[in-house]
N, C-alpha and C. Protein backbone atom coordinates (compact mmCIF):
# COMPACT_ATOMS: atom_id res chain seq x y z
N MET A 1 0.85 -1.18 0.00
CA MET A 1 0.00 0.00 0.00
C MET A 1 0.89 1.24 0.00
N SER A 2 0.59 2.19 -0.86
CA SER A 2 1.42 3.39 -0.94
C SER A 2 0.90 4.48 0.00
N ASP A 3 1.77 5.43 0.25
CA ASP A 3 1.40 6.56 1.10
C ASP A 3 0.34 7.40 0.41
N VAL A 4 -0.50 8.03 1.23
CA VAL A 4 -1.47 8.99 0.71
C VAL A 4 -0.73 10.30 0.48
N SER A 5 -0.81 10.82 -0.72
CA SER A 5 -0.15 12.08 -1.06
C SER A 5 -0.97 13.25 -0.51
N VAL A 6 -0.33 14.07 0.32
CA VAL A 6 -0.98 15.25 0.88
C VAL A 6 -0.12 16.47 0.57
N THR A 7 -0.69 17.41 -0.16
CA THR A 7 0.00 18.65 -0.48
C THR A 7 -0.69 19.78 0.27
N VAL A 8 0.11 20.57 0.98
CA VAL A 8 -0.43 21.73 1.70
C VAL A 8 0.23 22.98 1.14
N TYR A 9 -0.59 23.83 0.53
CA TYR A 9 -0.11 25.14 0.09
C TYR A 9 -0.16 26.04 1.32
N THR A 10 0.97 26.63 1.64
CA THR A 10 1.15 27.31 2.91
C THR A 10 1.98 28.56 2.73
N ARG A 11 2.26 29.25 3.83
CA ARG A 11 3.20 30.38 3.82
C ARG A 11 3.74 30.52 5.24
N GLU A 12 4.84 31.25 5.35
CA GLU A 12 5.46 31.46 6.67
C GLU A 12 4.52 32.24 7.58
N ASP A 13 4.64 31.96 8.87
CA ASP A 13 3.88 32.67 9.90
C ASP A 13 2.37 32.60 9.70
N CYS A 14 1.91 31.46 9.25
CA CYS A 14 0.47 31.23 9.03
C CYS A 14 -0.02 30.26 10.10
N HIS A 15 -0.73 30.79 11.09
CA HIS A 15 -1.18 29.91 12.18
C HIS A 15 -2.19 28.87 11.71
N LEU A 16 -3.03 29.21 10.75
CA LEU A 16 -3.98 28.23 10.22
C LEU A 16 -3.24 27.10 9.50
N CYS A 17 -2.14 27.45 8.83
CA CYS A 17 -1.33 26.44 8.14
C CYS A 17 -0.72 25.49 9.16
N GLU A 18 -0.18 26.04 10.24
CA GLU A 18 0.42 25.22 11.28
C GLU A 18 -0.62 24.27 11.88
N GLU A 19 -1.83 24.79 12.14
CA GLU A 19 -2.91 23.96 12.68
C GLU A 19 -3.28 22.84 11.70
N ALA A 20 -3.37 23.17 10.44
CA ALA A 20 -3.75 22.18 9.42
C ALA A 20 -2.72 21.06 9.35
N ILE A 21 -1.44 21.42 9.33
CA ILE A 21 -0.38 20.42 9.25
C ILE A 21 -0.38 19.52 10.48
N GLU A 22 -0.56 20.13 11.66
CA GLU A 22 -0.61 19.34 12.90
C GLU A 22 -1.79 18.38 12.87
N THR A 23 -2.94 18.85 12.41
CA THR A 23 -4.13 18.00 12.34
C THR A 23 -3.90 16.84 11.37
N ILE A 24 -3.34 17.12 10.22
CA ILE A 24 -3.07 16.07 9.22
C ILE A 24 -2.14 15.01 9.81
N GLU A 25 -1.05 15.45 10.42
CA GLU A 25 -0.08 14.50 10.98
C GLU A 25 -0.69 13.68 12.11
N ARG A 26 -1.44 14.32 13.00
CA ARG A 26 -2.05 13.63 14.15
C ARG A 26 -3.11 12.63 13.70
N VAL A 27 -3.99 13.04 12.80
CA VAL A 27 -5.06 12.16 12.34
C VAL A 27 -4.49 10.99 11.55
N ALA A 28 -3.52 11.24 10.69
CA ALA A 28 -2.89 10.15 9.94
C ALA A 28 -2.26 9.15 10.88
N ASP A 29 -1.59 9.64 11.92
CA ASP A 29 -0.97 8.76 12.91
C ASP A 29 -2.04 7.96 13.65
N ASP A 30 -3.11 8.63 14.08
CA ASP A 30 -4.21 7.96 14.79
C ASP A 30 -4.83 6.86 13.93
N GLU A 31 -4.96 7.13 12.63
CA GLU A 31 -5.61 6.18 11.72
C GLU A 31 -4.63 5.12 11.20
N GLY A 32 -3.35 5.29 11.48
CA GLY A 32 -2.34 4.35 10.99
C GLY A 32 -2.16 4.44 9.49
N VAL A 33 -2.38 5.63 8.94
CA VAL A 33 -2.25 5.85 7.50
C VAL A 33 -0.96 6.62 7.24
N ALA A 34 -0.13 6.08 6.37
CA ALA A 34 1.11 6.77 6.01
C ALA A 34 0.80 7.86 4.99
N VAL A 35 1.30 9.05 5.25
CA VAL A 35 1.10 10.15 4.32
C VAL A 35 2.45 10.66 3.82
N ALA A 36 2.46 11.06 2.56
CA ALA A 36 3.61 11.74 1.98
C ALA A 36 3.24 13.21 1.95
N LEU A 37 3.72 13.95 2.95
CA LEU A 37 3.34 15.34 3.14
C LEU A 37 4.29 16.26 2.37
N ASP A 38 3.73 17.06 1.48
CA ASP A 38 4.50 18.00 0.67
C ASP A 38 4.01 19.40 1.01
N LEU A 39 4.89 20.22 1.60
CA LEU A 39 4.55 21.59 1.96
C LEU A 39 5.07 22.53 0.88
N VAL A 40 4.17 23.34 0.33
CA VAL A 40 4.52 24.25 -0.76
C VAL A 40 4.27 25.68 -0.27
N ASP A 41 5.34 26.46 -0.17
CA ASP A 41 5.24 27.86 0.25
C ASP A 41 4.83 28.69 -0.97
N VAL A 42 3.62 29.22 -0.94
CA VAL A 42 3.11 29.96 -2.10
C VAL A 42 3.88 31.26 -2.34
N ASP A 43 4.55 31.77 -1.31
CA ASP A 43 5.28 33.02 -1.48
C ASP A 43 6.60 32.84 -2.22
N GLU A 44 7.02 31.60 -2.43
CA GLU A 44 8.26 31.35 -3.16
C GLU A 44 8.07 31.32 -4.67
N ASP A 45 6.83 31.39 -5.12
CA ASP A 45 6.54 31.33 -6.55
C ASP A 45 5.48 32.39 -6.87
N PRO A 46 5.81 33.38 -7.69
CA PRO A 46 4.84 34.44 -7.99
C PRO A 46 3.51 33.92 -8.56
N ASP A 47 3.58 32.86 -9.37
CA ASP A 47 2.34 32.30 -9.93
C ASP A 47 1.47 31.69 -8.84
N LEU A 48 2.09 30.97 -7.92
CA LEU A 48 1.33 30.38 -6.81
C LEU A 48 0.79 31.46 -5.89
N ARG A 49 1.59 32.48 -5.62
CA ARG A 49 1.14 33.58 -4.77
C ARG A 49 -0.09 34.25 -5.38
N GLU A 50 -0.05 34.43 -6.70
CA GLU A 50 -1.20 35.04 -7.38
C GLU A 50 -2.41 34.09 -7.36
N ALA A 51 -2.17 32.81 -7.58
CA ALA A 51 -3.26 31.84 -7.64
C ALA A 51 -3.93 31.64 -6.28
N TYR A 52 -3.14 31.58 -5.21
CA TYR A 52 -3.70 31.26 -3.90
C TYR A 52 -3.90 32.47 -3.01
N GLY A 53 -3.14 33.54 -3.24
CA GLY A 53 -3.31 34.75 -2.44
C GLY A 53 -3.33 34.44 -0.96
N GLU A 54 -4.40 34.84 -0.31
CA GLU A 54 -4.56 34.60 1.12
C GLU A 54 -5.30 33.29 1.40
N ARG A 55 -5.62 32.54 0.37
CA ARG A 55 -6.40 31.30 0.53
C ARG A 55 -5.51 30.12 0.94
N VAL A 56 -4.83 30.27 2.04
CA VAL A 56 -4.01 29.18 2.57
C VAL A 56 -4.40 28.96 4.03
N PRO A 57 -4.26 27.78 4.53
CA PRO A 57 -3.78 26.60 3.83
C PRO A 57 -4.81 26.07 2.84
N TYR A 58 -4.29 25.48 1.79
CA TYR A 58 -5.11 24.81 0.78
C TYR A 58 -4.54 23.41 0.69
N VAL A 59 -5.39 22.41 0.94
CA VAL A 59 -4.91 21.03 1.07
C VAL A 59 -5.46 20.15 -0.05
N LEU A 60 -4.55 19.42 -0.69
CA LEU A 60 -4.91 18.42 -1.70
C LEU A 60 -4.62 17.03 -1.14
N LEU A 61 -5.53 16.10 -1.35
CA LEU A 61 -5.30 14.69 -1.03
C LEU A 61 -5.27 13.93 -2.33
N ASP A 62 -4.15 13.26 -2.58
CA ASP A 62 -3.96 12.53 -3.83
C ASP A 62 -4.28 13.40 -5.05
N GLY A 63 -3.88 14.68 -4.97
CA GLY A 63 -4.04 15.59 -6.09
C GLY A 63 -5.40 16.26 -6.21
N SER A 64 -6.35 15.90 -5.34
CA SER A 64 -7.69 16.50 -5.40
C SER A 64 -7.90 17.48 -4.26
N PRO A 65 -8.53 18.63 -4.53
CA PRO A 65 -8.79 19.59 -3.46
C PRO A 65 -9.59 18.94 -2.33
N ALA A 66 -9.15 19.19 -1.09
CA ALA A 66 -9.82 18.57 0.05
C ALA A 66 -10.25 19.59 1.11
N PHE A 67 -9.39 20.58 1.40
CA PHE A 67 -9.70 21.55 2.45
C PHE A 67 -9.11 22.91 2.09
N LYS A 68 -9.80 23.95 2.58
CA LYS A 68 -9.29 25.31 2.46
C LYS A 68 -9.47 25.98 3.82
N TYR A 69 -8.44 26.63 4.29
CA TYR A 69 -8.38 27.35 5.56
C TYR A 69 -8.28 26.42 6.77
N ARG A 70 -9.22 25.53 6.96
CA ARG A 70 -9.20 24.63 8.12
C ARG A 70 -9.41 23.19 7.66
N VAL A 71 -8.76 22.28 8.37
CA VAL A 71 -8.91 20.86 8.09
C VAL A 71 -9.89 20.29 9.10
N ALA A 72 -11.03 19.82 8.62
CA ALA A 72 -12.05 19.22 9.48
C ALA A 72 -11.61 17.79 9.82
N GLU A 73 -11.36 17.55 11.10
CA GLU A 73 -10.80 16.29 11.53
C GLU A 73 -11.64 15.08 11.10
N GLY A 74 -12.94 15.13 11.30
CA GLY A 74 -13.80 14.02 10.93
C GLY A 74 -13.78 13.73 9.44
N GLN A 75 -13.83 14.78 8.64
CA GLN A 75 -13.78 14.61 7.18
C GLN A 75 -12.43 14.07 6.74
N LEU A 76 -11.36 14.54 7.38
CA LEU A 76 -10.03 14.04 7.05
C LEU A 76 -9.92 12.55 7.35
N ARG A 77 -10.46 12.12 8.50
CA ARG A 77 -10.43 10.69 8.85
C ARG A 77 -11.10 9.86 7.75
N GLU A 78 -12.27 10.30 7.32
CA GLU A 78 -13.00 9.59 6.26
C GLU A 78 -12.20 9.54 4.97
N LYS A 79 -11.65 10.67 4.58
CA LYS A 79 -10.89 10.74 3.33
C LYS A 79 -9.64 9.87 3.38
N LEU A 80 -8.94 9.86 4.52
CA LEU A 80 -7.75 9.04 4.64
C LEU A 80 -8.09 7.56 4.60
N ARG A 81 -9.18 7.18 5.25
CA ARG A 81 -9.60 5.76 5.23
C ARG A 81 -9.90 5.31 3.80
N LYS A 82 -10.55 6.17 3.03
CA LYS A 82 -10.89 5.82 1.65
C LYS A 82 -9.67 5.77 0.75
N SER A 83 -8.68 6.64 1.03
CA SER A 83 -7.49 6.73 0.19
C SER A 83 -6.44 5.67 0.52
N ALA A 84 -6.47 5.19 1.75
CA ALA A 84 -5.43 4.24 2.20
C ALA A 84 -5.60 2.86 1.58
């Protein structure tokens, strides 16, 4: 079984981003699901900064949009179970 790909579009000093990453890591650990976490700083790429603006964190699971701003723990558990 392969890891679930999780991409988080983030930026420095973003408390919502920090909360989202912590929730993803904790829930994945609780569920026993391995995740391949990729953190992308939108401020390092002008195109990403323009595309996402203040809409971070933005979370993709296996390449599909899953969450914006906050990660809902219950929904994440369901999505990880289905993806694992």
